[in-house]
C-alpha atoms as a PDB file:
ATOM      1  CA  UNK A   1     111.705 115.235  69.872  1.00  0.00           C
ATOM      2  CA  UNK A   2     114.288 117.976  70.102  1.00  0.00           C
ATOM      3  CA  UNK A   3     113.597 119.165  73.846  1.00  0.00           C
ATOM      4  CA  UNK A   4     115.500 122.175  73.488  1.00  0.00           C
ATOM      5  CA  UNK A   5     113.513 123.573  70.596  1.00  0.00           C
ATOM      6  CA  UNK A   6     110.424 122.378  71.989  1.00  0.00           C
ATOM      7  CA  UNK A   7     110.869 123.940  75.700  1.00  0.00           C
ATOM      8  CA  UNK A   8     112.096 127.464  73.718  1.00  0.00           C
ATOM      9  CA  UNK A   9     108.974 127.592  71.397  1.00  0.00           C
ATOM     10  CA  UNK A  10     106.885 126.334  74.558  1.00  0.00           C
ATOM     11  CA  UNK A  11     108.206 129.182  76.457  1.00  0.00           C
ATOM     12  CA  UNK A  12     108.452 131.962  73.712  1.00  0.00           C
ATOM     13  CA  UNK A  13     104.697 131.304  72.962  1.00  0.00           C
ATOM     14  CA  UNK A  14     103.382 130.922  76.769  1.00  0.00           C
ATOM     15  CA  UNK A  15     104.980 134.354  77.473  1.00  0.00           C
ATOM     16  CA  UNK A  16     103.877 136.451  74.212  1.00  0.00           C
ATOM     17  CA  UNK A  17     100.438 134.895  74.601  1.00  0.00           C
ATOM     18  CA  UNK A  18     100.386 135.903  78.183  1.00  0.00           C
ATOM     19  CA  UNK A  19      97.805 139.009  78.955  1.00  0.00           C
ATOM     20  CA  UNK A  20      97.231 139.690  74.994  1.00  0.00           C
ATOM     21  CA  UNK A  21      93.887 140.468  73.261  1.00  0.00           C
ATOM     22  CA  UNK A  22      93.461 136.742  72.540  1.00  0.00           C
ATOM     23  CA  UNK A  23      93.109 136.091  76.119  1.00  0.00           C
ATOM     24  CA  UNK A  24      90.824 139.268  76.681  1.00  0.00           C
ATOM     25  CA  UNK A  25      88.454 137.712  73.812  1.00  0.00           C
ATOM     26  CA  UNK A  26      88.307 134.672  75.723  1.00  0.00           C
ATOM     27  CA  UNK A  27      87.599 136.287  78.911  1.00  0.00           C
ATOM     28  CA  UNK A  28      84.981 137.984  77.204  1.00  0.00           C
ATOM     29  CA  UNK A  29      83.213 135.613  75.486  1.00  0.00           C
ATOM     30  CA  UNK A  30      83.077 133.201  78.618  1.00  0.00           C
ATOM     31  CA  UNK A  31      81.798 136.019  80.330  1.00  0.00           C
ATOM     32  CA  UNK A  32      79.243 137.053  77.981  1.00  0.00           C
ATOM     33  CA  UNK A  33      78.028 133.307  76.971  1.00  0.00           C
ATOM     34  CA  UNK A  34      78.534 131.599  80.513  1.00  0.00           C
ATOM     35  CA  UNK A  35      79.684 128.563  78.445  1.00  0.00           C
ATOM     36  CA  UNK A  36      83.682 128.462  79.463  1.00  0.00           C
ATOM     37  CA  UNK A  37      84.257 125.053  77.956  1.00  0.00           C
ATOM     38  CA  UNK A  38      82.734 125.672  74.561  1.00  0.00           C
ATOM     39  CA  UNK A  39      84.984 129.207  74.599  1.00  0.00           C
ATOM     40  CA  UNK A  40      87.852 127.139  75.643  1.00  0.00           C
ATOM     41  CA  UNK A  41      87.417 124.436  72.872  1.00  0.00           C
ATOM     42  CA  UNK A  42      86.959 126.954  70.658  1.00  0.00           C
ATOM     43  CA  UNK A  43      89.768 128.660  71.567  1.00  0.00           C
ATOM     44  CA  UNK A  44      92.101 125.977  71.359  1.00  0.00           C
ATOM     45  CA  UNK A  45      90.746 124.899  67.906  1.00  0.00           C
ATOM     46  CA  UNK A  46      91.309 128.496  66.725  1.00  0.00           C
ATOM     47  CA  UNK A  47      94.732 128.359  68.000  1.00  0.00           C
ATOM     48  CA  UNK A  48      95.715 124.928  66.454  1.00  0.00           C
ATOM     49  CA  UNK A  49      94.486 126.083  63.048  1.00  0.00           C
ATOM     50  CA  UNK A  50      96.554 129.443  63.310  1.00  0.00           C
ATOM     51  CA  UNK A  51      99.581 127.511  64.595  1.00  0.00           C
ATOM     52  CA  UNK A  52      99.452 125.345  61.871  1.00  0.00           C
ATOM     53  CA  UNK A  53      99.149 127.563  59.297  1.00  0.00           C
ATOM     54  CA  UNK A  54     102.310 129.789  60.446  1.00  0.00           C
ATOM     55  CA  UNK A  55     104.373 126.959  61.225  1.00  0.00           C
ATOM     56  CA  UNK A  56     104.121 125.641  57.538  1.00  0.00           C
ATOM     57  CA  UNK A  57     104.251 128.957  55.944  1.00  0.00           C
ATOM     58  CA  UNK A  58     107.287 129.486  57.789  1.00  0.00           C
ATOM     59  CA  UNK A  59     108.767 126.312  56.831  1.00  0.00           C
ATOM     60  CA  UNK A  60     108.270 127.157  53.333  1.00  0.00           C
ATOM     61  CA  UNK A  61     109.418 130.891  53.491  1.00  0.00           C
ATOM     62  CA  UNK A  62     112.536 129.640  55.044  1.00  0.00           C
ATOM     63  CA  UNK A  63     113.348 127.421  52.059  1.00  0.00           C
ATOM     64  CA  UNK A  64     113.409 130.940  49.697  1.00  0.00           C
ATOM     65  CA  UNK A  65     114.110 133.614  52.456  1.00  0.00           C
ATOM     66  CA  UNK A  66     116.876 133.660  55.105  1.00  0.00           C
ATOM     67  CA  UNK A  67     115.325 133.318  58.975  1.00  0.00           C
ATOM     68  CA  UNK A  68     117.109 136.666  59.976  1.00  0.00           C
ATOM     69  CA  UNK A  69     115.281 138.420  56.792  1.00  0.00           C
ATOM     70  CA  UNK A  70     111.882 137.027  57.960  1.00  0.00           C
ATOM     71  CA  UNK A  71     112.695 137.770  61.821  1.00  0.00           C
ATOM     72  CA  UNK A  72     113.045 141.866  60.735  1.00  0.00           C
ATOM     73  CA  UNK A  73     109.936 141.353  58.341  1.00  0.00           C
ATOM     74  CA  UNK A  74     108.088 140.454  61.204  1.00  0.00           C
ATOM     75  CA  UNK A  75     109.606 142.700  63.676  1.00  0.00           C
ATOM     76  CA  UNK A  76     109.162 145.752  61.175  1.00  0.00           C
ATOM     77  CA  UNK A  77     105.337 144.824  60.781  1.00  0.00           C
ATOM     78  CA  UNK A  78     104.768 144.727  64.501  1.00  0.00           C
ATOM     79  CA  UNK A  79     106.165 148.141  64.939  1.00  0.00           C
ATOM     80  CA  UNK A  80     104.136 149.209  61.938  1.00  0.00           C
ATOM     81  CA  UNK A  81     101.131 148.154  63.283  1.00  0.00           C
ATOM     82  CA  UNK A  82     101.769 149.239  66.789  1.00  0.00           C
ATOM     83  CA  UNK A  83     102.529 152.446  65.533  1.00  0.00           C
ATOM     84  CA  UNK A  84      99.287 152.523  63.516  1.00  0.00           C
ATOM     85  CA  UNK A  85      97.047 151.660  66.567  1.00  0.00           C
ATOM     86  CA  UNK A  86      98.530 154.062  68.517  1.00  0.00           C
ATOM     87  CA  UNK A  87      98.008 157.007  66.008  1.00  0.00           C
ATOM     88  CA  UNK A  88      94.530 155.982  65.622  1.00  0.00           C
ATOM     89  CA  UNK A  89      93.462 156.270  69.680  1.00  0.00           C
ATOM     90  CA  UNK A  90      95.076 160.152  69.676  1.00  0.00           C
END
């Protein structure tokens, strides 16, 4: 186990996910249903599946595309989605 990579990944994901819409969905679902354990388990399973897909996709893409290009594409998509969200709310 590469602890440096593990801790860097944990820190990046933890702070990226802190107070995002996923947490707001969890809060809303737990409040609406009154079943926090079911919401927690459903959230964990969904996040595990999304993470597995992301990691495998990243590993496959890294064989064909430079990691820098993947980073630029990801950042560009993030900006485009943010702009679309911004202009849709005005």
